[in-house]
Amino acid sequence: MVSLIKNGFVNMPVDKSLDLVVEIEKLKKEKNAIILGHFYQLPEIQDISDFIGDSLALSQKAASTDADIIVFAGVHFMAETAKLLSPSKKVILPDLEAGCSLADSCPADKFEEFKNKYPGYTVISYINTTNEIKALSDIICTSSNAVEIVNNLPSNEKVIFAPDKNLGDYINKLTGRNMIVWPGACHVHKSFSVERIVKLKKDHPEAKIIAHPECESDVLILADHIGSTSSLLKFTQTDSSKSYIVATETGIIHQMQKSNASKTFIPAPPDDATCACNDCSFMKLITLKKVYNSLKYETPEIHVANDMREMALKPVKRMLDISAKLGL
């Protein structure tokens, strides 16, 4: 099977006469497989997914099913997390090159050196990390529960937060903490243009600005609502406004439009003046053809060594225990 993989994905020709959506559905039934689609995927990928959501929620959902195969239409760390929670299932990532700029901004060897400078500190890491970083952590958090996880610790507990500086700074602001924050960033969320967002707001004064906490602080200051991708979606479903400027990856707009057909969603623009929206180049590597081939040939498969799984799973379980205790 390995010989089928070229440039990170199964590079096999596909009959152009095939209806890939129909064929993917057939393969799912034949192989007892499910497709997990992250909110940032292309619309056609979201539409063929059995479950759509944020990374941890998708992995938890997959673990609760009796599926034999999980095709994760997302990025590498997400597929790793799915394998952590479903070790007996075959986990497939349609393109191994679908990485994450945020996860890549925190190499395990450099982070271990950083961590060793602060003995006695509790390490809280964002779910958007590799298993190696999870294994170096005490607790994992998501953008949905990060504030509650931090607030659950004693006020005098010393904390390192990794890898997203913007999210860490935002948590520090809300909690009054002084966490030591690793200087990582997501290439999408760090590149929104404040000037262009302000101009959009002038052109659309009725629009509310909604932003993910991975955005830079000057973008968050402008926001009417700040939250995880799921929180942003829920806000647009329950809020009375009819128009929104969306400062996160544009894939979520597909779900916003599906559940709010009468509302208007405007992607917040990046600094690049030639582009009107802000896409994750890694998320967009996943295509229908790659999903079809990966399911047909059951590769590229994600593997996690048992010792790494045990170490990386501990901080995830601690997060889940805290979340259960707090009723999150």
Protein backbone atom coordinates (compact mmCIF):
# COMPACT_ATOMS: atom_id res chain seq x y z
CA MET A 1 0.00 0.00 0.00
CA VAL A 2 2.83 2.41 0.78
CA SER A 3 3.87 2.35 -2.88
CA LEU A 4 0.51 3.89 -3.78
CA ILE A 5 1.34 7.06 -1.86
CA LYS A 6 3.03 9.89 -3.72
CA ASN A 7 3.36 13.44 -2.41
CA GLY A 8 1.47 12.42 0.71
CA PHE A 9 -1.67 10.98 -0.88
CA VAL A 10 -2.87 8.10 -3.05
CA ASN A 11 -1.97 9.30 -6.51
CA MET A 12 -4.09 6.84 -8.49
CA PRO A 13 -6.19 7.82 -11.51
CA VAL A 14 -9.95 7.96 -11.03
CA ASP A 15 -12.47 7.35 -13.80
CA LYS A 16 -13.88 10.80 -14.63
CA SER A 17 -17.30 9.27 -15.30
CA LEU A 18 -17.65 8.23 -11.65
CA ASP A 19 -19.93 10.13 -9.35
CA LEU A 20 -17.49 10.39 -6.46
CA VAL A 21 -20.16 11.22 -3.90
CA VAL A 22 -22.10 8.07 -4.79
CA GLU A 23 -18.95 5.95 -4.86
CA ILE A 24 -17.78 7.26 -1.49
CA GLU A 25 -21.15 6.37 0.03
CA LYS A 26 -20.84 2.85 -1.37
CA LEU A 27 -17.35 2.43 0.05
CA LYS A 28 -18.45 3.69 3.46
CA LYS A 29 -21.15 1.04 3.68
CA GLU A 30 -18.91 -1.70 2.29
CA LYS A 31 -16.08 -0.96 4.71
CA ASN A 32 -18.10 0.18 7.74
CA ALA A 33 -16.35 3.54 7.55
CA ILE A 34 -17.21 7.05 8.65
CA ILE A 35 -15.95 10.40 7.44
CA LEU A 36 -15.18 13.18 9.90
CA GLY A 37 -15.28 16.64 8.36
CA HIS A 38 -13.78 19.65 10.09
CA PHE A 39 -15.61 22.99 9.83
CA TYR A 40 -12.75 24.38 7.72
CA GLN A 41 -13.02 21.82 4.94
CA LEU A 42 -14.29 22.55 1.44
CA PRO A 43 -18.11 22.59 1.23
CA GLU A 44 -18.24 19.38 -0.82
CA ILE A 45 -16.16 17.60 1.82
CA GLN A 46 -18.41 18.82 4.62
CA ASP A 47 -21.45 17.63 2.69
CA ILE A 48 -20.20 14.02 2.43
CA SER A 49 -19.11 13.86 6.08
CA ASP A 50 -21.01 11.81 8.62
CA PHE A 51 -20.04 14.21 11.37
CA ILE A 52 -19.00 17.86 11.10
CA GLY A 53 -17.39 19.85 13.87
CA ASP A 54 -14.24 20.86 15.72
CA SER A 55 -11.36 18.44 16.04
CA LEU A 56 -11.79 16.96 19.53
CA ALA A 57 -15.58 16.69 19.25
CA LEU A 58 -15.15 14.77 15.99
CA SER A 59 -12.66 12.35 17.54
CA GLN A 60 -14.95 11.78 20.52
CA LYS A 61 -17.90 11.14 18.23
CA ALA A 62 -15.92 8.68 16.16
CA ALA A 63 -14.82 6.80 19.27
CA SER A 64 -18.46 6.30 20.25
CA THR A 65 -19.32 4.59 16.96
CA ASP A 66 -18.82 0.98 15.88
CA ALA A 67 -17.04 2.05 12.67
CA ASP A 68 -13.98 0.06 11.62
CA ILE A 69 -12.44 2.88 9.59
CA ILE A 70 -12.26 6.61 10.27
CA VAL A 71 -11.44 8.92 7.39
CA PHE A 72 -10.49 12.24 8.92
CA ALA A 73 -11.05 15.12 6.53
CA GLY A 74 -8.93 17.53 8.51
CA VAL A 75 -5.25 17.93 9.31
CA HIS A 76 -2.57 15.65 10.72
CA PHE A 77 -2.85 16.40 14.44
CA MET A 78 -6.62 15.80 14.26
CA ALA A 79 -6.14 12.34 12.78
CA GLU A 80 -3.56 11.65 15.51
CA THR A 81 -6.10 12.64 18.17
CA ALA A 82 -8.69 10.34 16.59
CA LYS A 83 -6.19 7.48 16.80
CA LEU A 84 -5.54 8.33 20.46
CA LEU A 85 -9.23 7.92 21.27
CA SER A 86 -9.86 5.01 18.87
CA PRO A 87 -6.73 2.83 18.94
CA SER A 88 -8.51 -0.23 17.54
CA LYS A 89 -9.94 1.61 14.54
CA LYS A 90 -8.07 2.28 11.31
CA VAL A 91 -7.60 6.03 10.97
CA ILE A 92 -6.92 7.46 7.53
CA LEU A 93 -5.85 10.97 6.55
CA PRO A 94 -6.51 11.55 2.83
CA ASP A 95 -3.38 13.69 2.45
CA LEU A 96 -0.41 13.42 4.80
CA GLU A 97 0.73 16.89 3.74
CA ALA A 98 -2.35 18.35 5.44
CA GLY A 99 -0.44 19.69 8.39
CA CYS A 100 -1.07 22.65 10.68
CA SER A 101 0.98 25.84 10.89
CA LEU A 102 0.08 26.20 14.58
CA ALA A 103 1.15 22.67 15.48
CA ASP A 104 4.29 23.08 13.37
CA SER A 105 5.16 26.29 15.22
CA CYS A 106 5.85 24.25 18.36
CA PRO A 107 8.52 21.59 17.70
CA ALA A 108 8.68 19.05 20.52
CA ASP A 109 12.45 19.34 21.11
CA LYS A 110 12.33 23.14 21.33
CA PHE A 111 9.28 23.06 23.55
CA GLU A 112 10.90 20.57 25.91
CA GLU A 113 13.86 22.94 26.28
CA PHE A 114 11.42 25.80 26.91
CA LYS A 115 9.49 23.76 29.47
CA ASN A 116 12.68 22.83 31.34
CA LYS A 117 13.37 26.52 32.00
CA TYR A 118 10.27 26.62 34.22
CA PRO A 119 10.43 23.68 36.66
CA GLY A 120 7.31 23.20 38.72
CA TYR A 121 5.01 24.80 36.14
CA THR A 122 1.83 23.08 34.98
CA VAL A 123 1.75 22.73 31.19
CA ILE A 124 -1.59 23.34 29.49
CA SER A 125 -1.53 22.69 25.77
CA TYR A 126 -4.15 23.46 23.18
CA ILE A 127 -5.62 20.46 21.37
CA ASN A 128 -4.05 21.84 18.16
CA THR A 129 -0.71 20.15 18.83
CA THR A 130 1.15 17.01 17.91
CA ASN A 131 1.05 13.96 20.14
CA GLU A 132 4.65 14.74 21.13
CA ILE A 133 3.54 18.07 22.62
CA LYS A 134 0.54 16.44 24.29
CA ALA A 135 2.94 13.94 25.88
CA LEU A 136 4.92 16.85 27.37
CA SER A 137 1.76 18.41 28.80
CA ASP A 138 -0.22 18.04 32.02
CA ILE A 139 -3.62 19.13 30.68
CA ILE A 140 -5.06 19.64 27.21
CA CYS A 141 -7.69 22.27 26.45
CA THR A 142 -9.82 23.39 23.53
CA SER A 143 -10.79 26.92 22.54
CA SER A 144 -14.24 26.14 24.00
CA ASN A 145 -13.08 25.10 27.48
CA ALA A 146 -9.68 26.80 27.86
CA VAL A 147 -10.84 29.56 30.21
CA GLU A 148 -12.69 27.11 32.46
CA ILE A 149 -9.73 24.69 32.50
CA VAL A 150 -7.35 27.48 33.56
CA ASN A 151 -9.78 28.88 36.13
CA ASN A 152 -10.13 25.42 37.66
CA LEU A 153 -6.49 25.53 38.78
CA PRO A 154 -5.51 27.22 42.05
CA SER A 155 -4.91 30.94 41.51
CA ASN A 156 -1.28 30.64 42.59
CA GLU A 157 -0.48 27.71 40.29
CA LYS A 158 2.23 28.56 37.77
CA VAL A 159 1.26 27.71 34.20
CA ILE A 160 2.88 27.35 30.78
CA PHE A 161 0.45 27.60 27.89
CA ALA A 162 1.21 26.29 24.40
CA PRO A 163 1.30 26.66 21.50
CA ASP A 164 -0.95 29.59 20.49
CA LYS A 165 0.21 32.96 21.78
CA ASN A 166 -2.98 34.77 20.80
CA LEU A 167 -5.20 32.26 22.58
CA GLY A 168 -2.87 32.26 25.59
CA ASP A 169 -2.87 36.04 25.81
CA TYR A 170 -6.67 36.08 25.51
CA ILE A 171 -6.99 33.55 28.36
CA ASN A 172 -4.59 35.61 30.49
CA LYS A 173 -6.77 38.67 29.91
CA LEU A 174 -10.01 36.89 30.85
CA THR A 175 -8.64 35.04 33.86
CA GLY A 176 -6.20 37.61 35.23
CA ARG A 177 -3.45 34.99 35.09
CA ASN A 178 0.13 35.50 34.04
CA MET A 179 0.74 32.25 32.18
CA ILE A 180 4.03 31.84 30.34
CA VAL A 181 2.96 31.53 26.71
CA TRP A 182 4.80 29.76 23.89
CA PRO A 183 5.00 32.12 20.86
CA GLY A 184 3.15 29.97 18.31
CA ALA A 185 0.47 31.05 15.84
CA CYS A 186 -1.95 29.88 13.16
CA HIS A 187 -1.10 31.32 9.75
CA VAL A 188 -4.78 32.04 9.09
CA HIS A 189 -5.72 33.73 12.34
CA LYS A 190 -2.58 35.84 12.66
CA SER A 191 -2.96 37.41 9.23
CA PHE A 192 -6.31 39.20 9.41
CA SER A 193 -6.06 42.87 8.50
CA VAL A 194 -7.49 45.25 11.10
CA GLU A 195 -7.57 48.08 8.57
CA ARG A 196 -9.52 46.03 6.02
CA ILE A 197 -11.92 44.74 8.68
CA VAL A 198 -12.57 48.33 9.83
CA LYS A 199 -13.29 49.29 6.23
CA LEU A 200 -15.67 46.34 5.86
CA LYS A 201 -17.46 47.45 9.00
CA LYS A 202 -17.86 50.96 7.55
CA ASP A 203 -19.27 49.45 4.36
CA HIS A 204 -21.54 47.14 6.37
CA PRO A 205 -22.32 49.00 9.61
CA GLU A 206 -25.13 46.57 10.44
CA ALA A 207 -22.75 43.58 10.46
CA LYS A 208 -21.48 42.13 13.72
CA ILE A 209 -17.83 41.09 13.86
CA ILE A 210 -17.26 37.58 15.19
CA ALA A 211 -13.77 36.22 15.80
CA HIS A 212 -11.89 33.15 16.92
CA PRO A 213 -9.60 33.71 19.96
CA GLU A 214 -6.60 32.61 17.87
CA CYS A 215 -6.85 36.03 16.16
CA GLU A 216 -4.50 38.88 17.07
CA SER A 217 -5.61 41.04 20.00
CA ASP A 218 -6.31 44.10 17.83
CA VAL A 219 -8.82 42.01 15.85
CA LEU A 220 -10.44 40.67 19.04
CA ILE A 221 -10.92 44.23 20.30
CA LEU A 222 -13.19 44.87 17.31
CA ALA A 223 -15.27 41.73 17.84
CA ASP A 224 -18.87 41.62 19.04
CA HIS A 225 -18.47 37.93 19.85
CA ILE A 226 -15.33 35.85 20.45
CA GLY A 227 -15.44 32.08 20.58
CA SER A 228 -14.48 28.69 19.19
CA THR A 229 -15.63 27.75 15.73
CA SER A 230 -18.64 25.95 17.21
CA SER A 231 -19.40 28.99 19.36
CA LEU A 232 -19.26 31.31 16.35
CA LEU A 233 -21.66 29.05 14.46
CA LYS A 234 -24.08 28.87 17.40
CA PHE A 235 -23.94 32.64 17.85
CA THR A 236 -25.02 33.23 14.26
CA GLN A 237 -27.87 30.76 14.74
CA THR A 238 -29.25 32.41 17.88
CA ASP A 239 -28.31 36.06 17.42
CA SER A 240 -30.87 38.43 15.90
CA SER A 241 -28.47 40.19 13.53
CA LYS A 242 -28.73 39.55 9.81
CA SER A 243 -25.13 40.16 8.80
CA TYR A 244 -21.70 39.08 10.13
CA ILE A 245 -18.04 39.70 9.38
CA VAL A 246 -16.40 36.35 10.13
CA ALA A 247 -12.80 36.40 11.41
CA THR A 248 -11.86 32.77 11.20
CA GLU A 249 -11.17 30.27 8.43
CA THR A 250 -13.80 30.60 5.70
CA GLY A 251 -14.89 26.95 5.71
CA ILE A 252 -17.26 27.58 8.62
CA ILE A 253 -19.29 29.96 6.47
CA HIS A 254 -20.71 26.96 4.60
CA GLN A 255 -22.38 25.71 7.78
CA MET A 256 -23.45 29.23 8.74
CA GLN A 257 -25.17 29.69 5.39
CA LYS A 258 -26.81 26.26 5.55
CA SER A 259 -28.41 27.02 8.91
CA ASN A 260 -29.09 30.71 8.23
CA ALA A 261 -30.06 31.02 4.59
CA SER A 262 -31.47 34.53 5.02
CA LYS A 263 -28.35 35.93 6.69
CA THR A 264 -25.21 37.40 5.13
CA PHE A 265 -21.70 36.24 6.03
CA ILE A 266 -18.67 38.24 4.96
CA PRO A 267 -15.21 36.68 5.32
CA ALA A 268 -12.78 38.93 7.16
CA PRO A 269 -9.86 39.74 4.83
CA PRO A 270 -6.15 39.08 5.41
CA ASP A 271 -3.28 41.54 5.04
CA ASP A 272 -2.80 40.32 1.47
CA ALA A 273 -4.64 42.97 -0.52
CA THR A 274 -5.09 40.59 -3.47
CA CYS A 275 -7.33 38.26 -1.44
CA ALA A 276 -10.80 38.89 -0.04
CA CYS A 277 -10.88 35.88 2.27
CA ASN A 278 -8.59 33.85 4.50
CA ASP A 279 -8.25 30.11 3.84
CA CYS A 280 -6.15 27.40 5.47
CA SER A 281 -4.00 26.02 2.67
CA PHE A 282 -3.60 22.74 4.58
CA MET A 283 -7.33 22.14 5.11
CA LYS A 284 -8.00 22.77 1.45
CA LEU A 285 -5.64 19.95 0.40
CA ILE A 286 -8.43 17.46 1.09
CA THR A 287 -10.50 16.81 -2.04
CA LEU A 288 -13.25 14.39 -3.04
CA LYS A 289 -10.79 12.44 -5.17
CA LYS A 290 -8.37 12.06 -2.27
CA VAL A 291 -11.17 10.97 0.08
CA TYR A 292 -12.34 8.42 -2.49
CA ASN A 293 -8.87 6.99 -3.09
CA SER A 294 -7.94 6.93 0.58
CA LEU A 295 -11.11 5.03 1.41
CA LYS A 296 -10.76 2.69 -1.54
CA TYR A 297 -7.15 1.77 -0.76
CA GLU A 298 -7.38 2.36 3.04
CA THR A 299 -4.29 4.53 3.10
CA PRO A 300 -2.46 6.76 4.18
CA GLU A 301 -3.02 5.29 7.65
CA ILE A 302 -2.14 7.09 10.88
CA HIS A 303 -0.18 5.08 13.42
CA VAL A 304 0.59 6.00 17.03
CA ALA A 305 3.05 3.96 19.08
CA ASN A 306 1.58 2.52 22.29
CA ASP A 307 4.00 4.32 24.59
CA MET A 308 3.31 7.65 22.88
CA ARG A 309 -0.42 7.01 23.04
CA GLU A 310 -0.26 6.39 26.78
CA MET A 311 1.69 9.60 27.42
CA ALA A 312 -0.38 11.78 25.08
CA LEU A 313 -3.68 10.43 26.34
CA LYS A 314 -3.06 11.29 30.01
CA PRO A 315 -3.47 15.09 29.64
CA VAL A 316 -6.47 14.57 27.36
CA LYS A 317 -8.14 12.41 30.00
CA ARG A 318 -7.35 14.99 32.65
CA MET A 319 -9.09 17.63 30.54
CA LEU A 320 -12.11 15.37 30.11
CA ASP A 321 -12.24 14.71 33.86
CA ILE A 322 -12.12 18.43 34.64
CA SER A 323 -14.75 19.14 31.99
CA ALA A 324 -17.03 16.47 33.47
CA LYS A 325 -16.55 17.88 36.96
CA LEU A 326 -17.41 21.39 35.74
CA GLY A 327 -20.34 20.17 33.65
CA LEU A 328 -18.82 21.44 30.40
